[in-house]
Amino acid sequence: MFAQLRNALARNASVFQTARNASSGANGKAWAVDLMASEAGISKKQAEIALKSLLAGIEGAVVAGERVTFQGFGSFESVARAARTGVNPQNPTQKIKIPASMAPKFKAGSAFKSAVNK
């Protein structure tokens, strides 16, 4: 399904124009559901279920320590952040300890970078 979406986006330059002209927040979940429904010829409910499934699958894999890669688009993974000492923004002279944590990371693929740089 992702490949169909990627191909539809590549074919349909007006989708990119719509994304560029959209106001703040217009390119969220509702936008993705509408795009998937229209490009794949499915109902909005089916598109919403597919989108939720995809995002839940990516989240589950990253939480489990796996790397999820969409060739040409990018990859999602989790990275470890070491414990460190920071500065309290309300009192810059006060040092605070920031505990170690895990954080999600996205790295754009070469095709995505090229599309953005055109």
Protein backbone atom coordinates (compact mmCIF):
# COMPACT_ATOMS: atom_id res chain seq x y z
CA MET A 1 0.00 0.00 0.00
CA PHE A 2 2.86 2.40 0.80
CA ALA A 3 4.36 1.76 -2.63
CA GLN A 4 1.04 2.66 -4.26
CA LEU A 5 0.91 5.90 -2.28
CA ARG A 6 4.50 6.76 -3.12
CA ASN A 7 3.88 6.10 -6.82
CA ALA A 8 0.67 8.12 -6.75
CA LEU A 9 2.51 11.03 -5.14
CA ALA A 10 5.25 10.85 -7.73
CA ARG A 11 2.68 10.87 -10.56
CA ASN A 12 0.56 13.63 -9.12
CA ALA A 13 2.50 16.88 -8.84
CA SER A 14 -0.66 18.71 -7.74
CA VAL A 15 -0.50 16.80 -4.46
CA PHE A 16 2.88 18.39 -3.75
CA GLN A 17 1.53 21.81 -4.73
CA THR A 18 -1.43 21.32 -2.36
CA ALA A 19 0.96 20.39 0.45
CA ARG A 20 3.05 23.52 -0.17
CA ASN A 21 0.03 25.84 -0.23
CA ALA A 22 -1.77 24.32 2.75
CA SER A 23 -2.08 26.31 5.94
CA SER A 24 -0.50 25.21 9.19
CA GLY A 25 -1.73 21.82 10.39
CA ALA A 26 -3.50 20.95 7.11
CA ASN A 27 -1.06 18.16 6.36
CA GLY A 28 -1.91 15.94 9.29
CA LYS A 29 -3.89 12.77 9.70
CA ALA A 30 -7.04 14.03 7.94
CA TRP A 31 -4.99 15.15 4.94
CA ALA A 32 -3.27 11.75 4.74
CA VAL A 33 -6.60 9.90 5.02
CA ASP A 34 -8.13 12.04 2.25
CA LEU A 35 -5.09 11.52 0.04
CA MET A 36 -5.02 7.76 0.59
CA ALA A 37 -8.76 7.44 -0.04
CA SER A 38 -8.70 9.41 -3.27
CA GLU A 39 -5.49 7.92 -4.70
CA ALA A 40 -6.25 4.30 -3.77
CA GLY A 41 -9.97 4.49 -4.58
CA ILE A 42 -11.06 3.34 -1.13
CA SER A 43 -13.37 4.82 1.48
CA LYS A 44 -12.09 7.30 4.04
CA LYS A 45 -12.86 4.77 6.79
CA GLN A 46 -10.68 2.15 5.07
CA ALA A 47 -7.93 4.72 4.54
CA GLU A 48 -8.08 5.74 8.21
CA ILE A 49 -7.81 2.10 9.32
CA ALA A 50 -4.86 1.56 6.96
CA LEU A 51 -3.08 4.70 8.19
CA LYS A 52 -3.63 3.82 11.85
CA SER A 53 -2.34 0.29 11.19
CA LEU A 54 0.76 1.57 9.43
CA LEU A 55 1.59 4.08 12.17
CA ALA A 56 0.94 1.53 14.93
CA GLY A 57 3.17 -0.97 13.15
CA ILE A 58 5.99 1.55 12.81
CA GLU A 59 5.62 2.58 16.46
CA GLY A 60 5.57 -1.02 17.68
CA ALA A 61 8.66 -1.95 15.70
CA VAL A 62 10.63 1.10 16.85
CA VAL A 63 9.61 0.51 20.49
CA ALA A 64 10.87 -3.07 20.12
CA GLY A 65 14.25 -1.71 18.98
CA GLU A 66 13.83 -2.47 15.29
CA ARG A 67 14.60 -0.17 12.39
CA VAL A 68 11.78 0.44 9.88
CA THR A 69 12.97 1.47 6.42
CA PHE A 70 10.96 2.64 3.42
CA GLN A 71 13.39 2.49 0.50
CA GLY A 72 14.01 5.99 -0.86
CA PHE A 73 11.72 7.67 1.71
CA GLY A 74 13.54 7.17 4.99
CA SER A 75 13.93 5.11 8.12
CA PHE A 76 12.61 5.18 11.67
CA GLU A 77 14.56 3.89 14.65
CA SER A 78 15.12 4.49 18.35
CA VAL A 79 18.35 5.92 19.71
CA ALA A 80 19.74 6.01 23.23
CA ARG A 81 20.38 9.36 24.86
CA ALA A 82 23.01 9.33 27.58
CA ALA A 83 22.42 10.93 30.97
CA ARG A 84 23.75 14.46 31.07
CA THR A 85 23.81 17.66 33.07
CA GLY A 86 21.68 20.53 31.82
CA VAL A 87 20.72 24.05 32.86
CA ASN A 88 17.39 24.98 34.44
CA PRO A 89 15.82 27.47 31.98
CA GLN A 90 14.07 29.32 34.84
CA ASN A 91 17.31 29.67 36.79
CA PRO A 92 20.34 29.51 34.48
CA THR A 93 22.79 29.20 37.36
CA GLN A 94 21.14 25.98 38.58
CA LYS A 95 22.38 22.70 37.08
CA ILE A 96 19.95 19.80 36.68
CA LYS A 97 20.51 16.13 35.96
CA ILE A 98 18.80 14.83 32.82
CA PRO A 99 18.34 11.03 32.97
CA ALA A 100 19.22 8.66 30.14
CA SER A 101 16.34 7.95 27.78
CA MET A 102 15.37 6.51 24.41
CA ALA A 103 14.18 8.79 21.60
CA PRO A 104 12.61 8.14 18.18
CA LYS A 105 14.66 9.18 15.16
CA PHE A 106 13.76 9.65 11.49
CA LYS A 107 16.40 9.81 8.78
CA ALA A 108 15.26 10.92 5.33
CA GLY A 109 16.18 8.73 2.36
CA SER A 110 18.01 9.91 -0.74
CA ALA A 111 14.91 10.08 -3.00
CA PHE A 112 13.03 12.11 -0.39
CA LYS A 113 15.98 14.48 0.04
CA SER A 114 16.22 14.92 -3.72
CA ALA A 115 12.51 15.69 -4.01
CA VAL A 116 12.78 18.33 -1.29
CA ASN A 117 15.84 19.92 -2.88
CA LYS A 118 14.31 20.31 -6.36
